[in-house]
Amino acid sequence: MRKANFFYYIFFYRPLWVLTLLWVSTPVSAQQLSNVGREFWLGYGHNVLFTNDNPINGQNLTLYLSAEQATTVTVSVNGTGFSQTVNIPANTVDFSIIIPKSGINDARIRQEGKFDRGIHIVASAPIVAYAHQYGIQSSGGTMLFPVEAYGFSYTSVNYDQVTNFGTAYSWLFVVAAEDN
């Protein structure tokens, strides 16, 4: 009976242990996506402070660009002549870029639809980028995702906001780094 148990072990349990060890020791490949990158796109989204019936143009969109190593960053607005380049020292944050909101370089998106006013951020070394739109009584910020972190499915959580200027609706962008 002892001999039979040995063969039973060799032919039944041993393959299970080998398969278990192989499975446990197999490296797992997970997505390594983050908010650190070299290329970003965003839009200058609607704000109740720049509607046609509101004479106040008191909002601004400022970019916050952070780098762990010294880098050069160029920000341009597609469809305009606006372009600004900044040098960011290592371990600092630059917040000197304010996106144009008037004239021929106006980057604001005032209504629904498809637009060519995308704000393009390109860095020579990895950075983290944030956008902050603020006005007299409103403020909104967002962390930007680099192009390599783009996905296919997102959820937008929004609500209507009543202000002194009327109802301020939430909005979202669908951004593409290239056509189609």
Protein backbone atom coordinates (compact mmCIF):
# COMPACT_ATOMS: atom_id res chain seq x y z
CA MET A 1 0.00 0.00 0.00
CA ARG A 2 2.91 2.30 0.71
CA LYS A 3 4.21 1.90 -2.84
CA ALA A 4 0.79 2.84 -4.26
CA ASN A 5 0.68 6.03 -2.18
CA PHE A 6 4.09 7.04 -3.49
CA PHE A 7 2.99 6.66 -7.13
CA TYR A 8 -0.27 8.45 -6.36
CA TYR A 9 1.74 11.35 -4.93
CA ILE A 10 4.15 11.49 -7.89
CA PHE A 11 1.47 11.38 -10.57
CA PHE A 12 -1.27 13.42 -8.87
CA TYR A 13 -0.02 15.90 -6.22
CA ARG A 14 3.36 16.76 -7.70
CA PRO A 15 1.96 18.19 -10.96
CA LEU A 16 -0.47 20.31 -8.92
CA TRP A 17 2.36 21.71 -6.80
CA VAL A 18 4.47 22.41 -9.86
CA LEU A 19 1.58 24.23 -11.56
CA THR A 20 0.85 26.18 -8.38
CA LEU A 21 4.50 27.25 -8.04
CA LEU A 22 4.63 28.26 -11.69
CA TRP A 23 1.44 30.27 -11.33
CA VAL A 24 2.59 32.05 -8.16
CA SER A 25 6.03 32.86 -9.56
CA THR A 26 4.74 34.23 -12.89
CA PRO A 27 5.29 37.99 -13.06
CA VAL A 28 2.10 40.02 -13.23
CA SER A 29 1.94 42.73 -15.86
CA ALA A 30 -0.32 45.57 -14.69
CA GLN A 31 -0.83 48.98 -16.25
CA GLN A 32 1.76 51.45 -15.06
CA LEU A 33 -0.18 54.60 -15.93
CA SER A 34 0.15 57.82 -13.97
CA ASN A 35 -0.33 61.55 -14.28
CA VAL A 36 3.37 62.02 -15.15
CA GLY A 37 4.12 62.54 -18.83
CA ARG A 38 5.57 64.69 -21.59
CA GLU A 39 2.47 65.52 -23.67
CA PHE A 40 -0.95 66.75 -22.52
CA TRP A 41 -4.08 68.21 -24.12
CA LEU A 42 -6.92 70.17 -22.51
CA GLY A 43 -9.64 72.66 -23.35
CA TYR A 44 -10.52 76.04 -21.85
CA GLY A 45 -13.96 74.99 -20.74
CA HIS A 46 -17.13 76.98 -20.41
CA ASN A 47 -17.50 79.25 -17.41
CA VAL A 48 -20.66 81.19 -16.57
CA LEU A 49 -18.45 84.29 -16.25
CA PHE A 50 -17.80 84.40 -20.00
CA THR A 51 -21.23 83.89 -21.47
CA ASN A 52 -22.37 86.38 -24.10
CA ASP A 53 -24.94 88.00 -21.77
CA ASN A 54 -22.40 88.48 -18.97
CA PRO A 55 -20.10 91.48 -19.53
CA ILE A 56 -17.62 90.26 -16.89
CA ASN A 57 -14.65 88.40 -18.34
CA GLY A 58 -13.23 87.85 -14.87
CA GLN A 59 -12.14 84.22 -15.05
CA ASN A 60 -8.63 82.95 -15.79
CA LEU A 61 -7.22 79.56 -16.69
CA THR A 62 -3.78 79.01 -15.18
CA LEU A 63 -1.56 75.98 -15.74
CA TYR A 64 0.49 74.50 -12.89
CA LEU A 65 3.47 72.56 -14.23
CA SER A 66 5.61 70.54 -11.84
CA ALA A 67 8.91 68.80 -12.62
CA GLU A 68 11.30 66.60 -10.64
CA GLN A 69 14.11 67.37 -13.08
CA ALA A 70 14.86 70.57 -15.01
CA THR A 71 12.77 70.74 -18.16
CA THR A 72 11.52 73.03 -20.90
CA VAL A 73 7.76 73.15 -21.47
CA THR A 74 5.95 74.67 -24.45
CA VAL A 75 2.24 75.47 -24.26
CA SER A 76 0.37 76.32 -27.46
CA VAL A 77 -3.26 76.75 -28.40
CA ASN A 78 -4.30 74.90 -31.52
CA GLY A 79 -6.04 77.16 -34.05
CA THR A 80 -4.33 80.33 -32.72
CA GLY A 81 -0.86 81.85 -32.74
CA PHE A 82 -0.43 81.51 -28.98
CA SER A 83 2.71 79.72 -27.81
CA GLN A 84 4.66 80.18 -24.59
CA THR A 85 7.78 78.34 -23.43
CA VAL A 86 8.98 78.14 -19.84
CA ASN A 87 12.04 76.58 -18.24
CA ILE A 88 11.17 74.78 -15.03
CA PRO A 89 13.99 74.10 -12.56
CA ALA A 90 14.10 70.70 -10.85
CA ASN A 91 11.66 70.15 -7.97
CA THR A 92 9.65 73.30 -8.61
CA VAL A 93 6.20 74.32 -9.86
CA ASP A 94 5.62 76.94 -12.55
CA PHE A 95 2.26 78.75 -12.62
CA SER A 96 3.12 81.64 -14.93
CA ILE A 97 1.11 80.48 -17.96
CA ILE A 98 -2.32 82.06 -18.15
CA ILE A 99 -4.26 80.92 -21.22
CA PRO A 100 -5.52 83.77 -23.47
CA LYS A 101 -9.21 84.70 -23.14
CA SER A 102 -9.63 87.48 -25.70
CA GLY A 103 -8.62 88.59 -29.17
CA ILE A 104 -7.34 86.31 -31.91
CA ASN A 105 -5.70 83.93 -29.39
CA ASP A 106 -8.91 83.43 -27.36
CA ALA A 107 -8.80 79.75 -26.36
CA ARG A 108 -12.18 79.59 -24.60
CA ILE A 109 -14.81 77.09 -25.67
CA ARG A 110 -18.14 78.87 -25.38
CA GLN A 111 -20.64 76.25 -26.53
CA GLU A 112 -21.15 72.58 -27.27
CA GLY A 113 -19.62 70.95 -30.32
CA LYS A 114 -16.32 70.10 -31.92
CA PHE A 115 -13.53 72.66 -31.62
CA ASP A 116 -9.93 73.12 -32.73
CA ARG A 117 -8.92 75.22 -29.71
CA GLY A 118 -7.08 72.47 -27.88
CA ILE A 119 -4.36 73.53 -25.47
CA HIS A 120 -1.24 71.45 -26.12
CA ILE A 121 1.48 71.00 -23.50
CA VAL A 122 4.81 69.42 -24.52
CA ALA A 123 7.73 68.93 -22.12
CA SER A 124 11.31 67.81 -22.72
CA ALA A 125 11.26 65.74 -19.49
CA PRO A 126 8.37 64.19 -17.55
CA ILE A 127 6.10 66.65 -15.73
CA VAL A 128 2.82 66.72 -13.83
CA ALA A 129 0.25 69.24 -15.13
CA TYR A 130 -2.80 70.77 -13.48
CA ALA A 131 -5.26 73.38 -14.74
CA HIS A 132 -7.10 75.83 -12.47
CA GLN A 133 -9.90 78.04 -13.74
CA TYR A 134 -10.96 80.69 -11.27
CA GLY A 135 -13.12 83.79 -11.19
CA ILE A 136 -14.93 86.11 -8.84
CA GLN A 137 -17.20 83.47 -7.32
CA SER A 138 -16.17 80.26 -9.02
CA SER A 139 -13.20 77.98 -9.10
CA GLY A 140 -12.46 74.63 -10.66
CA GLY A 141 -9.32 72.57 -11.03
CA THR A 142 -8.29 69.42 -12.77
CA MET A 143 -5.35 67.06 -12.89
CA LEU A 144 -4.34 66.45 -16.49
CA PHE A 145 -3.61 63.01 -17.88
CA PRO A 146 -0.71 62.62 -20.31
CA VAL A 147 -1.48 61.24 -23.77
CA GLU A 148 0.00 57.82 -22.91
CA ALA A 149 -2.54 57.45 -20.07
CA TYR A 150 -5.61 58.02 -22.24
CA GLY A 151 -8.27 55.36 -21.86
CA PHE A 152 -11.58 54.53 -23.50
CA SER A 153 -14.11 54.68 -20.68
CA TYR A 154 -14.71 57.44 -18.16
CA THR A 155 -17.50 58.56 -15.83
CA SER A 156 -18.41 62.21 -15.37
CA VAL A 157 -20.18 63.16 -12.14
CA ASN A 158 -21.89 66.57 -12.45
CA TYR A 159 -24.71 68.72 -11.08
CA ASP A 160 -26.43 72.05 -11.80
CA GLN A 161 -25.11 74.97 -9.79
CA VAL A 162 -27.20 78.06 -9.15
CA THR A 163 -25.20 81.31 -9.10
CA ASN A 164 -25.89 85.07 -9.10
CA PHE A 165 -25.51 84.89 -12.89
CA GLY A 166 -28.03 82.06 -13.38
CA THR A 167 -27.54 78.32 -13.58
CA ALA A 168 -23.95 77.16 -14.11
CA TYR A 169 -23.93 73.78 -15.78
CA SER A 170 -21.13 71.26 -15.46
CA TRP A 171 -19.26 70.26 -18.60
CA LEU A 172 -16.76 67.71 -19.79
CA PHE A 173 -14.41 67.25 -22.72
CA VAL A 174 -13.68 64.36 -24.98
CA VAL A 175 -10.05 64.88 -25.96
CA ALA A 176 -8.10 63.13 -28.68
CA ALA A 177 -4.38 63.46 -29.30
CA GLU A 178 -4.85 62.77 -33.00
CA ASP A 179 -7.63 62.70 -35.60
CA ASN A 180 -10.11 59.80 -35.77
